[in-house]
Amino acid sequence: MGDRFFPNKMPDFIAEASTTAEATTHQQGIGDTLTKLLSMPYHALSQQLQRAGLDLKETIAMETWGMSGQSVQNFTLYTGTLGTAFLLFKSYQVTNNKNDISLCLEIVKACDSASLGSKDVTFICGRAGVCALGAVAAKYANDEALQNYFLNQFEEIKLSKDHPDELLYGRSGYLWCCLFLNKHIGEWTVPRTTIRAVADEIIKHGRAFPKKGGSPLMYEWYGERYWGAAHGLAGIMHVLMDVELKPDEVEDVKATLRYMINNRFTSGNYAASEADRDRDVLVHWCHGAPGVALTLVKAAKVFGDKIFLEAAIEAAEVVWRRGLLKRVGICHGISGNTYVFLSLYQMTRNEEYLYKAKAFASFLLDGAHTLISAGEMHGGDNPHSLFEGMGGMAYLFLDMTDPANARFPAYEL
């Protein structure tokens, strides 16, 4: 397992120095820039993170858009050009730089053309993400005609019986698009009847899946009963908790999460699937404790049950010990794992979780480029993408300028 992650040698907690100068003086002679970053006042560190995020954003836009001849080979948010547009949208939210929202829309328009005919219906991997981001970005740019165009295009997207229920390619990913539109444009942008109909299908399929005891809701994707955020229970439950559920549906969601908690590894980690219940290896957003932890924090907020918060805290300990992955990205890298601590900080206001988020981000800020150049860290098969590469790190750095409102991209609303 050790070859998947760097040993976490960072202290469990370092109190912030009151000033940047004090932090520098305190660390003189140690020669450890990472330790210096850990003790730096948060406002000073967040400024460094923002500068690094904005610099990375410029590089990513150039590499994925400027140097591509402004053509789109892969339109998806996950590893394609829409991920650059989403990063630009985040940059606009942080800095209010109108150039970012203009470039975002320019890229979305190209993704719109490239995604025509796609049968994928989700935010992360489908045409629905193009239309949803396009409509929201157009609203922020005060372009009503373009907003209406993308909303009309979104209405043309239809789910079929062949779509699965998971997040990356299925109904849950489409449902997330609906919720994203309603959050940013208005509560009735996508009618509640549409949202309710999709949720009904997801719950019906989860209840109907043949199972012997255990979880009241279960799903299958390509023959595997996954547990994680990308393809399984954690991701589906996460989206369902943003829908107004009936009392019996609430109980099924809660019981499904309790099933996962009761069957987790003794380490506090979670299996990738029902078939992997003896393989305690993955500590990723897509499979393992990080994605499940985000869902459990949300359950603690929505339902108020102590068991969910306690399990999330235990999962976060797994992320702290084994989550400094030798990858940089959001899906299965350090950037995504950092959001576990941010979500717990928002829930508890415990400064130790903010410190741990700062520690993971500082590890990236201090050493990611060097480690990737040395071949000790994987920069991603798509190295500038949002979910696999540097795009995710840039997004995290920008998000950490306001840790109380940081959200895992395309997962937390």
Protein backbone atom coordinates (compact mmCIF):
# COMPACT_ATOMS: atom_id res chain seq x y z
CA MET A 1 0.00 0.00 0.00
CA GLY A 2 2.84 2.38 0.80
CA ASP A 3 3.72 2.93 -2.85
CA ARG A 4 0.36 4.65 -3.35
CA PHE A 5 1.00 7.49 -0.92
CA PHE A 6 3.71 9.52 0.75
CA PRO A 7 4.15 8.91 4.49
CA ASN A 8 2.55 11.84 6.28
CA LYS A 9 5.33 13.25 8.43
CA MET A 10 3.57 16.54 9.10
CA PRO A 11 2.64 17.31 12.72
CA ASP A 12 -0.99 16.65 13.62
CA PHE A 13 -1.33 20.34 14.45
CA ILE A 14 0.80 23.48 14.45
CA ALA A 15 -0.63 26.68 15.89
CA GLU A 16 -0.48 29.60 13.50
CA ALA A 17 2.01 32.35 14.17
CA SER A 18 0.36 35.71 14.67
CA THR A 19 2.31 37.27 11.80
CA THR A 20 4.16 36.08 8.72
CA ALA A 21 7.37 37.56 10.12
CA GLU A 22 6.94 35.58 13.34
CA ALA A 23 6.43 32.39 11.34
CA THR A 24 9.62 33.06 9.38
CA THR A 25 11.63 33.87 12.52
CA HIS A 26 10.26 30.84 14.33
CA GLN A 27 11.51 28.53 11.60
CA GLN A 28 14.95 30.08 11.00
CA GLY A 29 17.64 27.43 10.84
CA ILE A 30 15.24 24.59 10.15
CA GLY A 31 15.31 25.03 6.40
CA ASP A 32 11.86 23.49 6.04
CA THR A 33 9.66 25.59 3.80
CA LEU A 34 6.74 23.23 4.33
CA THR A 35 6.86 23.71 8.09
CA LYS A 36 7.04 27.45 7.52
CA LEU A 37 3.89 27.29 5.40
CA LEU A 38 2.11 25.26 8.10
CA SER A 39 2.72 27.89 10.76
CA MET A 40 1.94 30.84 8.48
CA PRO A 41 -1.19 32.88 9.34
CA TYR A 42 -4.04 31.63 7.20
CA HIS A 43 -4.71 34.95 5.48
CA ALA A 44 -1.07 35.08 4.34
CA LEU A 45 -1.05 31.47 3.16
CA SER A 46 -4.35 31.91 1.33
CA GLN A 47 -2.82 34.81 -0.60
CA GLN A 48 0.03 32.54 -1.68
CA LEU A 49 -2.43 29.82 -2.63
CA GLN A 50 -4.52 32.28 -4.63
CA ARG A 51 -1.49 33.57 -6.54
CA ALA A 52 -0.39 30.01 -7.30
CA GLY A 53 -3.94 29.06 -8.34
CA LEU A 54 -4.25 32.03 -10.67
CA ASP A 55 -0.86 31.34 -12.23
CA LEU A 56 -1.82 27.71 -12.78
CA LYS A 57 -5.16 28.77 -14.24
CA GLU A 58 -3.36 30.85 -16.86
CA THR A 59 -1.06 27.96 -17.73
CA ILE A 60 -3.94 25.49 -17.97
CA ALA A 61 -6.00 27.82 -20.17
CA MET A 62 -3.04 28.24 -22.49
CA GLU A 63 -2.24 24.53 -22.65
CA THR A 64 -5.80 23.27 -23.11
CA TRP A 65 -7.28 26.09 -25.16
CA GLY A 66 -4.71 28.53 -26.53
CA MET A 67 -2.23 25.92 -27.75
CA SER A 68 -4.95 23.57 -29.00
CA GLY A 69 -5.95 26.03 -31.68
CA GLN A 70 -9.14 26.57 -29.68
CA SER A 71 -10.47 23.18 -30.73
CA VAL A 72 -12.07 20.57 -28.47
CA GLN A 73 -11.09 16.92 -28.65
CA ASN A 74 -12.56 15.95 -25.27
CA PHE A 75 -15.45 18.15 -24.09
CA THR A 76 -15.95 16.64 -20.62
CA LEU A 77 -15.45 18.30 -17.28
CA TYR A 78 -13.60 15.23 -16.00
CA THR A 79 -10.54 15.20 -18.27
CA GLY A 80 -11.52 17.59 -21.05
CA THR A 81 -11.85 21.23 -21.98
CA LEU A 82 -15.02 21.86 -19.96
CA GLY A 83 -12.87 21.38 -16.86
CA THR A 84 -10.86 24.44 -17.93
CA ALA A 85 -14.09 26.40 -18.31
CA PHE A 86 -15.17 25.36 -14.80
CA LEU A 87 -11.79 26.44 -13.41
CA LEU A 88 -12.22 29.82 -15.12
CA PHE A 89 -15.69 30.08 -13.59
CA LYS A 90 -14.18 29.46 -10.14
CA SER A 91 -11.49 32.07 -10.82
CA TYR A 92 -14.21 34.56 -11.76
CA GLN A 93 -16.06 33.84 -8.52
CA VAL A 94 -12.88 34.51 -6.54
CA THR A 95 -11.54 37.58 -8.37
CA ASN A 96 -14.54 38.95 -10.33
CA ASN A 97 -12.24 39.16 -13.36
CA LYS A 98 -14.60 39.54 -16.33
CA ASN A 99 -11.96 38.12 -18.68
CA ASP A 100 -12.36 34.78 -16.89
CA ILE A 101 -16.11 34.58 -17.41
CA SER A 102 -15.73 35.65 -21.05
CA LEU A 103 -13.13 32.97 -21.74
CA CYS A 104 -15.21 30.44 -19.81
CA LEU A 105 -18.15 31.07 -22.13
CA GLU A 106 -15.95 30.96 -25.22
CA ILE A 107 -14.77 27.50 -24.22
CA VAL A 108 -18.27 26.32 -23.27
CA LYS A 109 -19.55 27.33 -26.71
CA ALA A 110 -16.88 25.15 -28.31
CA CYS A 111 -17.77 22.29 -25.96
CA ASP A 112 -21.41 22.76 -26.94
CA SER A 113 -20.58 22.06 -30.59
CA ALA A 114 -18.28 19.16 -29.66
CA SER A 115 -20.88 17.50 -27.42
CA LEU A 116 -23.78 17.53 -29.89
CA GLY A 117 -25.03 13.99 -30.29
CA SER A 118 -23.49 12.77 -27.04
CA LYS A 119 -25.70 10.34 -25.16
CA ASP A 120 -23.98 11.04 -21.83
CA VAL A 121 -26.23 13.08 -19.57
CA THR A 122 -24.18 14.10 -16.53
CA PHE A 123 -22.36 17.19 -15.31
CA ILE A 124 -18.94 15.57 -15.06
CA CYS A 125 -18.92 13.46 -18.23
CA GLY A 126 -21.89 14.49 -20.35
CA ARG A 127 -23.56 17.13 -22.48
CA ALA A 128 -25.78 18.16 -19.58
CA GLY A 129 -22.70 19.59 -17.87
CA VAL A 130 -21.95 21.73 -20.92
CA CYS A 131 -25.48 23.13 -21.01
CA ALA A 132 -25.71 23.65 -17.24
CA LEU A 133 -22.36 25.44 -16.92
CA GLY A 134 -23.13 27.45 -20.06
CA ALA A 135 -26.45 28.67 -18.68
CA VAL A 136 -24.97 29.58 -15.29
CA ALA A 137 -21.90 31.32 -16.75
CA ALA A 138 -24.16 33.24 -19.16
CA LYS A 139 -26.23 34.43 -16.20
CA TYR A 140 -23.11 35.76 -14.47
CA ALA A 141 -22.11 37.45 -17.73
CA ASN A 142 -25.59 39.03 -18.01
CA ASP A 143 -26.18 37.38 -21.38
CA GLU A 144 -29.85 36.43 -21.19
CA ALA A 145 -30.06 35.19 -24.77
CA LEU A 146 -27.16 32.79 -24.29
CA GLN A 147 -28.55 31.67 -20.93
CA ASN A 148 -31.88 30.84 -22.55
CA TYR A 149 -30.13 29.02 -25.39
CA PHE A 150 -28.31 26.72 -22.97
CA LEU A 151 -31.42 26.18 -20.85
CA ASN A 152 -33.35 25.19 -23.97
CA GLN A 153 -30.55 22.83 -24.95
CA PHE A 154 -30.62 21.33 -21.46
CA GLU A 155 -34.34 20.65 -21.81
CA GLU A 156 -33.60 18.61 -24.93
CA ILE A 157 -31.51 16.12 -22.94
CA LYS A 158 -33.50 13.04 -22.03
CA LEU A 159 -32.77 10.14 -19.73
CA SER A 160 -33.41 6.63 -21.02
CA LYS A 161 -33.91 3.25 -19.38
CA ASP A 162 -30.36 2.38 -20.42
CA HIS A 163 -28.75 5.05 -18.26
CA PRO A 164 -27.29 3.80 -14.98
CA ASP A 165 -27.94 5.54 -11.67
CA GLU A 166 -24.40 6.56 -10.67
CA LEU A 167 -22.80 10.01 -10.72
CA LEU A 168 -20.32 10.05 -13.60
CA TYR A 169 -22.57 8.67 -16.34
CA GLY A 170 -26.00 8.16 -14.84
CA ARG A 171 -29.16 9.63 -13.36
CA SER A 172 -27.46 11.01 -10.26
CA GLY A 173 -25.11 13.04 -12.45
CA TYR A 174 -28.06 14.42 -14.41
CA LEU A 175 -29.90 15.19 -11.18
CA TRP A 176 -26.84 17.11 -9.94
CA CYS A 177 -27.05 19.30 -13.08
CA CYS A 178 -30.66 20.14 -12.24
CA LEU A 179 -29.73 21.11 -8.68
CA PHE A 180 -26.76 23.18 -9.90
CA LEU A 181 -29.01 25.14 -12.25
CA ASN A 182 -31.57 25.78 -9.52
CA LYS A 183 -28.91 26.95 -7.10
CA HIS A 184 -27.32 29.46 -9.45
CA ILE A 185 -30.21 30.62 -11.64
CA GLY A 186 -33.35 30.16 -9.57
CA GLU A 187 -35.26 27.58 -7.59
CA TRP A 188 -37.73 26.77 -10.37
CA THR A 189 -35.30 26.71 -13.29
CA VAL A 190 -35.71 22.94 -13.41
CA PRO A 191 -39.22 22.11 -12.16
CA ARG A 192 -39.58 20.12 -8.97
CA THR A 193 -41.65 17.60 -10.89
CA THR A 194 -38.64 16.84 -13.09
CA ILE A 195 -36.31 16.54 -10.11
CA ARG A 196 -38.80 14.37 -8.26
CA ALA A 197 -39.28 12.08 -11.27
CA VAL A 198 -35.53 11.45 -11.55
CA ALA A 199 -35.19 10.86 -7.80
CA ASP A 200 -38.14 8.44 -7.95
CA GLU A 201 -36.39 6.39 -10.63
CA ILE A 202 -33.11 6.30 -8.69
CA ILE A 203 -34.82 5.16 -5.50
CA LYS A 204 -37.02 2.63 -7.32
CA HIS A 205 -33.98 1.05 -8.97
CA GLY A 206 -32.06 0.98 -5.69
CA ARG A 207 -34.91 -0.75 -3.90
CA ALA A 208 -35.54 -3.25 -6.69
CA PHE A 209 -31.97 -4.47 -6.99
CA PRO A 210 -31.83 -8.11 -5.89
CA LYS A 211 -30.07 -8.39 -2.55
CA LYS A 212 -30.10 -10.60 0.51
CA GLY A 213 -30.53 -8.36 3.50
CA GLY A 214 -28.03 -5.59 4.06
CA SER A 215 -28.45 -2.24 2.37
CA PRO A 216 -32.00 -1.15 1.46
CA LEU A 217 -30.60 0.63 -1.62
CA MET A 218 -28.04 -0.97 -3.92
CA TYR A 219 -26.89 -0.27 -7.47
CA GLU A 220 -24.74 -1.89 -10.10
CA TRP A 221 -22.46 -0.36 -12.72
CA TYR A 222 -20.86 -2.68 -15.28
CA GLY A 223 -21.54 -5.65 -13.04
CA GLU A 224 -19.98 -4.15 -9.89
CA ARG A 225 -21.86 -2.99 -6.79
CA TYR A 226 -19.76 0.07 -6.07
CA TRP A 227 -19.67 1.98 -2.80
CA GLY A 228 -17.75 5.12 -3.73
CA ALA A 229 -18.56 8.61 -4.92
CA ALA A 230 -17.94 8.19 -8.66
CA HIS A 231 -19.98 5.09 -9.44
CA GLY A 232 -21.63 3.90 -6.27
CA LEU A 233 -23.62 4.36 -3.10
CA ALA A 234 -21.76 7.37 -1.66
CA GLY A 235 -22.26 9.48 -4.78
CA ILE A 236 -25.88 8.51 -5.27
CA MET A 237 -26.78 9.13 -1.60
CA HIS A 238 -24.91 12.46 -1.74
CA VAL A 239 -27.12 13.75 -4.56
CA LEU A 240 -30.33 12.33 -3.12
CA MET A 241 -29.76 14.30 0.08
CA ASP A 242 -30.20 17.52 -1.92
CA VAL A 243 -33.71 16.43 -2.89
CA GLU A 244 -36.82 16.74 -0.72
CA LEU A 245 -37.30 13.09 0.23
CA LYS A 246 -40.33 11.31 1.64
CA PRO A 247 -40.00 9.91 5.18
CA ASP A 248 -39.54 6.31 3.99
CA GLU A 249 -36.92 7.45 1.47
CA VAL A 250 -35.04 9.32 4.19
CA GLU A 251 -34.95 6.12 6.23
CA ASP A 252 -33.62 4.16 3.24
CA VAL A 253 -30.82 6.67 2.63
CA LYS A 254 -29.88 6.68 6.31
CA ALA A 255 -29.99 2.88 6.51
CA THR A 256 -27.83 2.59 3.38
CA LEU A 257 -25.19 4.84 4.93
CA ARG A 258 -25.36 2.91 8.20
CA TYR A 259 -24.86 -0.30 6.21
CA MET A 260 -21.66 1.13 4.78
CA ILE A 261 -20.48 2.32 8.20
CA ASN A 262 -21.21 -1.06 9.80
CA ASN A 263 -19.27 -2.86 7.07
CA ARG A 264 -16.28 -0.54 6.75
CA PHE A 265 -12.75 -1.82 7.27
CA THR A 266 -11.37 -1.85 10.79
CA SER A 267 -9.00 0.90 9.61
CA GLY A 268 -11.96 3.22 9.03
CA ASN A 269 -11.57 3.02 5.25
CA TYR A 270 -14.32 1.90 2.88
CA ALA A 271 -14.34 -0.77 0.19
CA ALA A 272 -14.49 0.17 -3.47
CA SER A 273 -17.32 -2.31 -4.01
CA GLU A 274 -19.18 -5.26 -2.52
CA ALA A 275 -16.66 -7.53 -4.24
CA ASP A 276 -13.71 -5.68 -2.66
CA ARG A 277 -14.76 -6.06 0.96
CA ASP A 278 -11.39 -7.63 1.84
CA ARG A 279 -9.18 -5.14 -0.06
CA ASP A 280 -8.34 -2.09 2.04
CA VAL A 281 -6.27 -0.20 -0.52
CA LEU A 282 -7.92 2.82 -2.14
CA VAL A 283 -8.12 6.19 -0.39
CA HIS A 284 -9.61 8.28 -3.18
CA TRP A 285 -12.64 10.47 -3.77
CA CYS A 286 -13.81 7.99 -6.42
CA HIS A 287 -13.26 4.87 -4.29
CA GLY A 288 -12.61 4.81 -0.56
CA ALA A 289 -12.82 6.97 2.54
CA PRO A 290 -12.55 10.48 1.03
CA GLY A 291 -15.71 10.36 -1.10
CA VAL A 292 -17.62 8.50 1.60
CA ALA A 293 -16.48 11.02 4.24
CA LEU A 294 -17.90 13.93 2.23
CA THR A 295 -21.23 12.09 2.01
CA LEU A 296 -21.21 11.31 5.75
CA VAL A 297 -20.54 14.95 6.65
CA LYS A 298 -23.48 15.91 4.47
CA ALA A 299 -25.65 13.27 6.19
CA ALA A 300 -24.67 14.71 9.56
CA LYS A 301 -25.81 18.16 8.38
CA VAL A 302 -29.03 16.97 6.77
CA PHE A 303 -30.17 14.39 9.33
CA GLY A 304 -28.38 15.54 12.49
CA ASP A 305 -27.44 11.96 13.45
CA LYS A 306 -24.25 11.74 15.50
CA ILE A 307 -23.25 8.40 13.98
CA PHE A 308 -22.61 10.02 10.60
CA LEU A 309 -20.32 12.71 11.98
CA GLU A 310 -18.39 10.19 14.08
CA ALA A 311 -17.88 7.94 11.05
CA ALA A 312 -16.80 10.93 8.93
CA ILE A 313 -14.21 11.88 11.53
CA GLU A 314 -12.89 8.32 11.56
CA ALA A 315 -12.71 8.32 7.74
CA ALA A 316 -10.85 11.64 7.85
CA GLU A 317 -8.19 10.01 10.03
CA VAL A 318 -7.65 7.47 7.27
CA VAL A 319 -7.24 10.35 4.80
CA TRP A 320 -4.76 12.09 7.09
CA ARG A 321 -2.66 8.93 7.45
CA ARG A 322 -2.90 7.53 3.92
CA GLY A 323 -4.27 10.35 1.79
CA LEU A 324 -1.07 12.08 0.64
CA LEU A 325 -1.41 10.21 -2.62
CA LYS A 326 1.29 10.14 -5.24
CA ARG A 327 -1.14 11.88 -7.56
CA VAL A 328 -2.12 15.51 -7.75
CA GLY A 329 -5.73 15.47 -8.95
CA ILE A 330 -9.25 15.82 -7.64
CA CYS A 331 -10.59 12.33 -8.39
CA HIS A 332 -7.74 10.23 -7.03
CA GLY A 333 -5.16 12.64 -5.70
CA ILE A 334 -4.19 14.95 -2.86
CA SER A 335 -6.28 17.86 -4.17
CA GLY A 336 -9.52 15.92 -3.85
CA ASN A 337 -8.62 14.43 -0.49
CA THR A 338 -8.09 17.91 0.97
CA TYR A 339 -11.82 18.58 0.71
CA VAL A 340 -12.52 16.02 3.45
CA PHE A 341 -10.90 18.32 6.00
CA LEU A 342 -12.57 21.41 4.57
CA SER A 343 -16.00 19.79 4.86
CA LEU A 344 -15.35 18.77 8.48
CA TYR A 345 -14.07 22.26 9.28
CA GLN A 346 -17.28 23.73 7.90
CA MET A 347 -19.34 21.27 9.94
CA THR A 348 -17.50 21.53 13.26
CA ARG A 349 -15.51 24.80 13.05
CA ASN A 350 -12.68 22.81 14.62
CA GLU A 351 -9.44 24.59 13.64
CA GLU A 352 -7.57 21.28 13.50
CA TYR A 353 -9.46 20.35 10.34
CA LEU A 354 -8.63 23.67 8.74
CA TYR A 355 -4.99 23.03 9.67
CA LYS A 356 -5.12 19.59 8.02
CA ALA A 357 -6.60 21.09 4.86
CA LYS A 358 -3.87 23.70 4.96
CA ALA A 359 -1.27 20.96 5.45
CA PHE A 360 -2.36 19.00 2.36
CA ALA A 361 -2.57 22.17 0.27
CA SER A 362 0.83 23.31 1.55
CA PHE A 363 2.33 19.92 0.67
CA LEU A 364 1.16 20.52 -2.91
CA LEU A 365 2.22 24.16 -2.99
CA ASP A 366 5.66 23.31 -1.65
CA GLY A 367 6.46 20.17 -3.60
CA ALA A 368 4.03 19.07 -6.31
CA HIS A 369 5.93 20.47 -9.28
CA THR A 370 9.26 19.16 -7.98
CA LEU A 371 7.87 15.71 -7.20
CA ILE A 372 6.21 15.43 -10.62
CA SER A 373 9.41 16.54 -12.38
CA ALA A 374 11.38 13.96 -10.39
CA GLY A 375 8.93 11.22 -11.31
CA GLU A 376 7.91 10.69 -7.68
CA MET A 377 4.35 11.95 -8.20
CA HIS A 378 2.00 11.25 -11.11
CA GLY A 379 0.79 14.41 -12.82
CA GLY A 380 -2.20 12.62 -14.33
CA ASP A 381 -2.82 10.91 -17.66
CA ASN A 382 -4.41 14.22 -18.64
CA PRO A 383 -2.01 16.51 -16.76
CA HIS A 384 -3.91 19.79 -17.16
CA SER A 385 -7.38 18.39 -16.53
CA LEU A 386 -9.70 19.23 -13.65
CA PHE A 387 -10.21 15.76 -12.23
CA GLU A 388 -6.87 14.08 -13.00
CA GLY A 389 -4.31 16.85 -13.23
CA MET A 390 -3.16 20.32 -12.29
CA GLY A 391 -6.60 21.79 -12.93
CA GLY A 392 -7.81 20.22 -9.72
CA MET A 393 -4.90 21.64 -7.76
CA ALA A 394 -5.54 25.12 -9.17
CA TYR A 395 -9.23 24.81 -8.26
CA LEU A 396 -8.36 23.76 -4.70
CA PHE A 397 -5.93 26.64 -4.24
CA LEU A 398 -8.57 29.15 -5.36
CA ASP A 399 -11.24 27.48 -3.21
CA MET A 400 -9.08 27.75 -0.11
CA THR A 401 -9.18 31.54 -0.22
CA ASP A 402 -12.57 31.10 1.48
CA PRO A 403 -12.42 27.76 3.33
CA ALA A 404 -15.83 28.18 4.94
CA ASN A 405 -17.42 28.01 1.50
CA ALA A 406 -15.09 25.63 -0.35
CA ARG A 407 -16.91 22.90 -2.27
CA PHE A 408 -15.60 19.79 -3.99
CA PRO A 409 -16.07 20.69 -7.67
CA ALA A 410 -19.07 19.14 -9.39
CA TYR A 411 -19.98 17.21 -6.22
CA GLU A 412 -20.78 19.56 -3.36
CA LEU A 413 -23.34 22.20 -4.29
